[in-house]
């Protein structure tokens, strides 16, 4: 129903919003997430053409101007000394090592009751297969960077823009401004890509705080660089799998273990050491294996994380299906046929796999320099 409006240009995205008397804001945030302003010299920025004001809010320093480009240019003239905070010591190598340590020593939460004796079956099997899969932090990077328009006046707030979480935007803005939720009016535009990033409320609250400070309607627009460096990232995922194969190559036992960060703990206060269902989507693959064990270790690797289009299907399916290929290779069998043997009594999985293989010309030669792979997953009742 929205295709016509998107084609003819009448669809309104957050970046299209205009209000009478509106000004534009560009926000300088700490180069390390969580850092705070230690000292600020805004004299040069304030002297630049079109600049309305320079205001400090909890998340950084906003330059407000009559145009977005004017705000960006003046922002570059700010002189800020930052207290980078605890996040300054966080790096990729350290996050990976701490995840490895947590996988070895952290509290194990069963994803589901174990079936049979997976470790015993693996230990006594004719052949063992082991693999570790690591998925990195990932930025949402939607086509439209974060933006929101706010007008705060007379104890009321008008918010217009792209959000996936209207009641959250209302509540967080009310709390930040010290007003009642019913005095916050949220109007939703089309999303220029959401993917879970626009469930977060940082950019919404920032726009409201800036508007309150300058007493004008303000459109806050993040740059692409702001967007990629101040995201709520997909967590680091650390998947460890082991299996035992019998003499025919059939898996007789499988142990799956994922160590990652709980988004739901951060975003909605899920109690510590509580199963987070958004961490274990696609953890249990559909295949018939007699003895299985699926474990979760929740570990905060040190950087803020958010729901990222999946949410954990992408991490767990990648690990599971890569591992099925490893088992098929160890068994000396075709990876498609190997999967089909383990799908008895699972007609929907078997049918979608068979159809995909047929459509792809599975088993036929591929051109030189090319390869063909296959994988299987269910997510939110879609079979892929």
Protein backbone atom coordinates (compact mmCIF):
# COMPACT_ATOMS: atom_id res chain seq x y z
CA UNK A 1 0.00 0.00 0.00
CA UNK A 2 2.92 2.38 0.52
CA UNK A 3 4.68 1.68 -2.79
CA UNK A 4 2.92 4.47 -4.70
CA UNK A 5 3.86 7.12 -2.13
CA UNK A 6 7.47 5.94 -2.06
CA UNK A 7 7.68 5.99 -5.85
CA UNK A 8 6.09 9.39 -6.42
CA UNK A 9 7.92 11.10 -3.57
CA UNK A 10 4.97 11.93 -1.33
CA UNK A 11 6.07 9.49 1.41
CA UNK A 12 7.49 11.49 4.30
CA UNK A 13 10.63 10.20 5.97
CA UNK A 14 12.15 11.79 9.05
CA UNK A 15 14.72 13.59 6.96
CA UNK A 16 11.87 15.28 4.99
CA UNK A 17 10.14 16.86 8.01
CA UNK A 18 9.81 20.65 8.01
CA UNK A 19 8.18 22.84 10.65
CA UNK A 20 7.72 26.64 10.57
CA UNK A 21 10.79 28.36 12.01
CA UNK A 22 12.71 25.07 12.21
CA UNK A 23 16.47 25.05 12.71
CA UNK A 24 19.00 22.22 12.31
CA UNK A 25 21.31 20.53 14.80
CA UNK A 26 24.49 18.51 14.42
CA UNK A 27 25.71 16.77 17.57
CA UNK A 28 29.33 16.12 18.49
CA UNK A 29 29.42 13.02 20.70
CA UNK A 30 32.34 11.47 22.55
CA UNK A 31 34.65 9.46 20.28
CA UNK A 32 34.25 6.69 22.88
CA UNK A 33 30.66 5.74 23.68
CA UNK A 34 29.84 6.79 27.22
CA UNK A 35 32.46 9.57 27.39
CA UNK A 36 31.61 13.03 28.75
CA UNK A 37 32.67 16.61 27.99
CA UNK A 38 35.56 17.75 30.19
CA UNK A 39 35.99 21.24 28.68
CA UNK A 40 34.44 23.14 25.79
CA UNK A 41 35.51 26.15 23.68
CA UNK A 42 32.68 27.02 21.30
CA UNK A 43 33.68 30.60 20.43
CA UNK A 44 34.83 29.83 16.88
CA UNK A 45 31.72 27.76 16.16
CA UNK A 46 29.36 30.45 17.47
CA UNK A 47 31.01 33.05 15.22
CA UNK A 48 30.32 31.10 12.00
CA UNK A 49 27.53 32.16 9.58
CA UNK A 50 24.03 30.95 10.33
CA UNK A 51 24.81 29.55 13.77
CA UNK A 52 21.92 30.01 16.19
CA UNK A 53 23.49 28.53 19.33
CA UNK A 54 25.83 25.90 20.75
CA UNK A 55 24.26 23.83 23.54
CA UNK A 56 25.58 21.08 25.73
CA UNK A 57 23.35 18.08 26.51
CA UNK A 58 24.24 14.87 28.38
CA UNK A 59 25.28 13.10 25.16
CA UNK A 60 27.54 15.84 23.81
CA UNK A 61 27.63 19.30 22.25
CA UNK A 62 25.06 20.37 19.65
CA UNK A 63 25.59 23.11 17.10
CA UNK A 64 22.29 24.63 16.01
CA UNK A 65 22.15 26.59 12.74
CA UNK A 66 19.83 27.75 9.98
CA UNK A 67 20.96 24.89 7.75
CA UNK A 68 22.24 21.40 8.34
CA UNK A 69 25.46 22.05 6.44
CA UNK A 70 26.02 25.24 8.44
CA UNK A 71 25.64 23.23 11.64
CA UNK A 72 28.08 20.57 10.41
CA UNK A 73 30.75 23.12 9.42
CA UNK A 74 30.47 24.94 12.74
CA UNK A 75 30.57 21.67 14.64
CA UNK A 76 34.01 21.05 13.13
CA UNK A 77 35.20 24.26 14.76
CA UNK A 78 34.33 23.09 18.29
CA UNK A 79 37.22 22.53 20.66
CA UNK A 80 36.29 19.80 23.12
CA UNK A 81 38.35 17.90 25.64
CA UNK A 82 36.73 14.59 26.51
CA UNK A 83 36.73 12.36 29.56
CA UNK A 84 36.54 9.11 27.60
CA UNK A 85 35.49 7.01 30.59
CA UNK A 86 35.70 3.25 31.07
CA UNK A 87 34.95 2.55 27.41
CA UNK A 88 38.39 3.81 26.37
CA UNK A 89 39.93 0.47 27.32
CA UNK A 90 37.49 -1.61 25.24
CA UNK A 91 38.88 -3.11 22.04
CA UNK A 92 38.05 -5.98 19.70
CA UNK A 93 40.84 -8.26 20.91
CA UNK A 94 39.85 -7.78 24.53
CA UNK A 95 36.17 -8.40 23.81
CA UNK A 96 37.02 -11.61 22.01
CA UNK A 97 39.32 -12.82 24.79
CA UNK A 98 36.77 -12.06 27.49
CA UNK A 99 34.14 -13.96 25.48
CA UNK A 100 36.53 -16.91 25.21
CA UNK A 101 37.13 -16.81 28.97
CA UNK A 102 33.40 -16.57 29.69
CA UNK A 103 32.70 -19.52 27.40
CA UNK A 104 35.14 -21.60 29.43
CA UNK A 105 34.20 -20.42 32.90
CA UNK A 106 30.83 -18.62 32.78
CA UNK A 107 27.49 -19.77 34.15
CA UNK A 108 25.83 -22.17 31.71
CA UNK A 109 22.10 -21.76 31.05
CA UNK A 110 20.41 -24.67 29.21
CA UNK A 111 18.64 -23.48 26.06
CA UNK A 112 16.30 -26.48 26.35
CA UNK A 113 16.40 -29.79 28.23
CA UNK A 114 19.22 -32.00 26.96
CA UNK A 115 18.25 -34.99 24.85
CA UNK A 116 20.13 -38.16 25.75
CA UNK A 117 23.84 -37.92 26.60
CA UNK A 118 25.46 -35.67 24.02
CA UNK A 119 28.93 -35.54 25.57
CA UNK A 120 29.02 -39.28 26.13
CA UNK A 121 27.92 -39.99 22.56
CA UNK A 122 30.51 -37.59 21.16
CA UNK A 123 33.27 -39.08 23.33
CA UNK A 124 32.62 -42.63 22.19
CA UNK A 125 31.94 -41.83 18.50
CA UNK A 126 34.02 -43.16 15.60
CA UNK A 127 34.92 -39.61 14.56
CA UNK A 128 34.73 -36.22 16.28
CA UNK A 129 34.22 -32.81 14.66
CA UNK A 130 34.81 -29.52 16.49
CA UNK A 131 34.50 -25.92 15.32
CA UNK A 132 34.28 -22.39 16.68
CA UNK A 133 32.47 -19.57 14.88
CA UNK A 134 32.87 -15.90 15.75
CA UNK A 135 30.52 -13.16 14.57
CA UNK A 136 31.73 -9.58 15.06
CA UNK A 137 30.07 -6.42 16.29
CA UNK A 138 27.81 -5.13 13.53
CA UNK A 139 26.40 -1.66 12.88
CA UNK A 140 22.81 -1.38 11.64
CA UNK A 141 23.82 1.26 9.06
CA UNK A 142 20.32 2.00 7.73
CA UNK A 143 20.14 4.12 4.57
CA UNK A 144 18.74 7.09 6.51
CA UNK A 145 21.01 8.07 9.42
CA UNK A 146 19.46 8.79 12.82
CA UNK A 147 17.32 11.93 12.88
CA UNK A 148 14.35 13.38 14.69
CA UNK A 149 12.47 16.68 14.77
CA UNK A 150 11.35 18.10 18.09
CA UNK A 151 9.54 21.21 19.28
CA UNK A 152 9.46 21.68 23.04
CA UNK A 153 7.43 24.62 24.25
CA UNK A 154 5.20 25.51 27.20
CA UNK A 155 5.81 22.21 28.96
CA UNK A 156 4.80 20.12 25.96
CA UNK A 157 6.83 18.26 23.34
CA UNK A 158 6.05 17.50 19.72
CA UNK A 159 8.23 14.73 18.28
CA UNK A 160 8.17 13.83 14.59
CA UNK A 161 10.35 11.20 13.00
CA UNK A 162 11.28 7.57 12.39
CA UNK A 163 10.83 5.37 15.46
CA UNK A 164 10.04 1.70 16.01
CA UNK A 165 9.10 2.30 19.67
CA UNK A 166 6.55 5.09 20.05
CA UNK A 167 5.65 4.55 23.70
CA UNK A 168 9.35 4.36 24.56
CA UNK A 169 10.02 7.64 22.74
CA UNK A 170 7.17 9.24 24.65
CA UNK A 171 8.26 7.93 28.05
CA UNK A 172 11.98 8.58 27.66
CA UNK A 173 11.40 12.14 26.44
CA UNK A 174 8.98 12.87 29.27
CA UNK A 175 11.51 11.59 31.81
CA UNK A 176 14.39 13.56 30.27
CA UNK A 177 12.42 16.82 30.15
CA UNK A 178 10.59 16.39 33.46
CA UNK A 179 7.11 16.52 31.90
CA UNK A 180 4.14 14.14 31.80
CA UNK A 181 4.06 11.41 29.11
CA UNK A 182 0.63 12.64 28.00
CA UNK A 183 2.28 15.99 27.17
CA UNK A 184 4.54 14.32 24.61
CA UNK A 185 3.01 13.95 21.13
CA UNK A 186 4.81 11.39 18.93
CA UNK A 187 4.17 11.38 15.17
CA UNK A 188 5.80 8.60 13.17
CA UNK A 189 7.19 9.03 9.68
CA UNK A 190 8.32 6.26 7.36
CA UNK A 191 11.56 4.64 8.51
CA UNK A 192 14.53 4.99 6.21
CA UNK A 193 15.53 1.57 7.49
CA UNK A 194 14.90 0.43 11.05
CA UNK A 195 16.31 -3.07 11.62
CA UNK A 196 16.09 -2.61 15.41
CA UNK A 197 18.21 0.55 15.52
CA UNK A 198 15.14 2.77 15.77
CA UNK A 199 13.90 0.88 18.82
CA UNK A 200 16.59 2.86 20.64
CA UNK A 201 15.69 6.31 21.94
CA UNK A 202 18.98 8.22 22.15
CA UNK A 203 18.50 10.39 19.04
CA UNK A 204 14.86 11.13 19.93
CA UNK A 205 15.71 12.41 23.41
CA UNK A 206 18.69 14.38 22.06
CA UNK A 207 16.44 16.28 19.63
CA UNK A 208 14.00 17.14 22.44
CA UNK A 209 16.77 18.31 24.77
CA UNK A 210 18.27 20.54 22.08
CA UNK A 211 14.88 22.02 21.21
CA UNK A 212 14.17 22.80 24.86
CA UNK A 213 17.56 24.56 25.16
CA UNK A 214 17.13 26.80 22.09
CA UNK A 215 13.33 27.22 22.42
CA UNK A 216 12.83 26.46 18.72
CA UNK A 217 11.70 23.52 16.59
CA UNK A 218 14.87 21.55 15.82
CA UNK A 219 15.69 18.82 13.35
CA UNK A 220 18.64 16.79 14.61
CA UNK A 221 20.47 14.88 11.88
CA UNK A 222 23.34 12.50 12.53
CA UNK A 223 26.02 12.08 9.90
CA UNK A 224 26.84 8.65 8.49
CA UNK A 225 30.00 8.70 10.64
CA UNK A 226 27.93 9.49 13.75
CA UNK A 227 25.61 6.65 12.86
CA UNK A 228 28.32 4.02 12.51
CA UNK A 229 30.36 5.06 15.54
CA UNK A 230 27.45 5.54 17.99
CA UNK A 231 25.26 2.56 17.25
CA UNK A 232 23.84 -0.09 19.55
CA UNK A 233 25.69 -2.91 17.82
CA UNK A 234 24.87 -6.52 17.17
CA UNK A 235 26.81 -8.34 19.90
CA UNK A 236 29.95 -10.37 19.42
CA UNK A 237 28.88 -13.99 19.08
CA UNK A 238 31.06 -16.91 20.10
CA UNK A 239 29.61 -20.27 18.97
CA UNK A 240 31.34 -23.54 19.87
CA UNK A 241 30.07 -26.78 18.36
CA UNK A 242 31.19 -30.39 18.68
CA UNK A 243 29.75 -33.57 17.25
CA UNK A 244 30.40 -37.29 17.13
CA UNK A 245 29.86 -39.26 13.91
CA UNK A 246 29.35 -43.00 13.65
CA UNK A 247 31.15 -45.22 11.10
CA UNK A 248 28.65 -44.23 8.39
CA UNK A 249 29.16 -40.51 9.06
CA UNK A 250 25.82 -40.02 10.78
CA UNK A 251 25.90 -37.64 13.76
CA UNK A 252 25.14 -39.47 17.01
CA UNK A 253 25.72 -36.54 19.37
CA UNK A 254 25.93 -32.75 19.12
CA UNK A 255 26.84 -30.06 21.66
CA UNK A 256 26.04 -26.42 20.84
CA UNK A 257 27.24 -23.56 23.04
CA UNK A 258 26.82 -19.84 22.39
CA UNK A 259 28.45 -17.09 24.43
CA UNK A 260 27.20 -13.57 23.76
CA UNK A 261 25.72 -10.43 25.29
CA UNK A 262 22.08 -10.04 26.31
CA UNK A 263 20.45 -7.12 24.53
CA UNK A 264 17.28 -7.60 26.55
CA UNK A 265 19.19 -7.18 29.83
CA UNK A 266 20.44 -3.78 28.66
CA UNK A 267 17.29 -2.59 26.93
CA UNK A 268 14.55 -3.90 29.20
CA UNK A 269 16.19 -4.96 32.46
CA UNK A 270 16.02 -8.73 32.06
CA UNK A 271 17.41 -10.15 35.33
CA UNK A 272 20.97 -11.49 35.31
CA UNK A 273 21.45 -15.17 34.39
CA UNK A 274 17.94 -15.35 32.92
CA UNK A 275 17.37 -17.03 29.57
CA UNK A 276 17.14 -14.34 26.88
CA UNK A 277 15.09 -15.84 24.02
CA UNK A 278 16.55 -13.26 21.62
CA UNK A 279 19.99 -14.84 22.11
CA UNK A 280 19.05 -18.40 21.14
CA UNK A 281 16.94 -18.05 18.00
CA UNK A 282 17.97 -20.79 15.54
CA UNK A 283 20.28 -22.25 18.21
CA UNK A 284 18.44 -25.56 17.91
CA UNK A 285 18.77 -26.70 14.31
CA UNK A 286 15.96 -28.84 12.84
CA UNK A 287 17.98 -32.02 12.31
CA UNK A 288 17.24 -35.38 13.92
CA UNK A 289 20.21 -36.23 16.15
CA UNK A 290 19.77 -38.74 18.96
CA UNK A 291 21.81 -36.94 21.66
CA UNK A 292 21.93 -33.13 21.85
CA UNK A 293 22.81 -30.43 24.35
CA UNK A 294 22.36 -26.68 23.77
CA UNK A 295 23.90 -24.20 26.18
CA UNK A 296 23.97 -20.41 26.61
CA UNK A 297 26.51 -18.24 28.45
CA UNK A 298 25.54 -14.58 28.89
CA UNK A 299 28.57 -12.31 28.88
CA UNK A 300 28.81 -8.51 28.71
CA UNK A 301 31.78 -7.86 26.43
CA UNK A 302 31.83 -4.14 27.25
CA UNK A 303 30.04 -2.26 24.47
CA UNK A 304 26.38 -1.32 24.21
CA UNK A 305 24.42 -3.69 22.01
CA UNK A 306 21.03 -3.64 20.31
CA UNK A 307 18.55 -5.80 18.43
CA UNK A 308 19.92 -6.28 14.94
CA UNK A 309 17.58 -7.67 12.30
CA UNK A 310 17.47 -11.30 13.17
CA UNK A 311 17.94 -11.04 16.17
CA UNK A 312 20.28 -13.97 16.83
CA UNK A 313 19.20 -16.13 13.89
CA UNK A 314 22.06 -14.66 11.86
CA UNK A 315 24.65 -15.66 14.45
CA UNK A 316 23.32 -19.10 15.39
CA UNK A 317 22.20 -20.25 11.95
CA UNK A 318 25.58 -19.23 10.52
CA UNK A 319 27.28 -21.43 13.13
CA UNK A 320 24.89 -24.38 12.89
CA UNK A 321 24.76 -24.57 9.11
CA UNK A 322 28.50 -24.05 8.68
CA UNK A 323 28.96 -26.90 11.14
CA UNK A 324 26.61 -29.22 9.25
CA UNK A 325 28.85 -28.63 6.23
CA UNK A 326 31.88 -29.53 8.38
CA UNK A 327 30.16 -32.76 9.46
CA UNK A 328 29.21 -33.61 5.87
CA UNK A 329 32.80 -33.03 4.77
CA UNK A 330 34.12 -35.23 7.59
CA UNK A 331 31.63 -37.91 6.52
CA UNK A 332 32.63 -37.57 2.87
CA UNK A 333 29.03 -36.85 1.88
CA UNK A 334 27.17 -34.27 -0.19
CA UNK A 335 26.00 -31.47 2.16
CA UNK A 336 22.49 -31.36 0.66
CA UNK A 337 21.97 -35.12 0.85
CA UNK A 338 23.49 -35.15 4.34
CA UNK A 339 20.87 -32.66 5.54
CA UNK A 340 17.98 -34.47 3.90
CA UNK A 341 18.84 -37.70 5.75
CA UNK A 342 18.32 -35.87 9.06
CA UNK A 343 14.91 -34.35 8.23
CA UNK A 344 12.62 -37.39 8.51
CA UNK A 345 9.30 -36.28 9.99
CA UNK A 346 10.07 -32.62 9.19
CA UNK A 347 8.25 -32.19 5.87
CA UNK A 348 8.25 -28.40 5.75
CA UNK A 349 11.99 -28.20 6.29
CA UNK A 350 12.58 -31.02 3.81
CA UNK A 351 10.34 -29.48 1.16
CA UNK A 352 11.93 -26.03 1.29
CA UNK A 353 15.42 -27.55 1.20
CA UNK A 354 14.49 -29.78 -1.76
CA UNK A 355 12.94 -26.88 -3.65
CA UNK A 356 15.96 -24.63 -3.06
CA UNK A 357 18.32 -27.37 -4.27
CA UNK A 358 16.23 -27.96 -7.40
CA UNK A 359 15.98 -24.25 -8.24
CA UNK A 360 19.73 -23.81 -7.72
CA UNK A 361 20.63 -26.75 -9.94
CA UNK A 362 22.26 -28.59 -7.06
CA UNK A 363 24.63 -31.33 -8.23
CA UNK A 364 25.17 -29.81 -11.66
CA UNK A 365 28.63 -28.44 -12.53
CA UNK A 366 29.36 -24.80 -11.66
CA UNK A 367 31.44 -22.39 -13.71
CA UNK A 368 35.15 -22.19 -13.01
CA UNK A 369 35.90 -19.98 -10.03
CA UNK A 370 32.39 -20.32 -8.60
CA UNK A 371 30.92 -22.49 -5.86
CA UNK A 372 27.51 -23.40 -4.53
CA UNK A 373 26.38 -23.74 -0.94
CA UNK A 374 23.15 -24.55 0.85
CA UNK A 375 21.75 -23.83 4.31
CA UNK A 376 18.45 -24.27 6.13
CA UNK A 377 16.68 -22.15 8.74
CA UNK A 378 13.31 -21.26 10.18
CA UNK A 379 12.73 -17.76 11.55
CA UNK A 380 9.40 -16.35 12.77
CA UNK A 381 7.54 -19.12 10.88
CA UNK A 382 9.36 -18.44 7.61
CA UNK A 383 11.24 -21.47 6.29
CA UNK A 384 14.34 -20.64 4.27
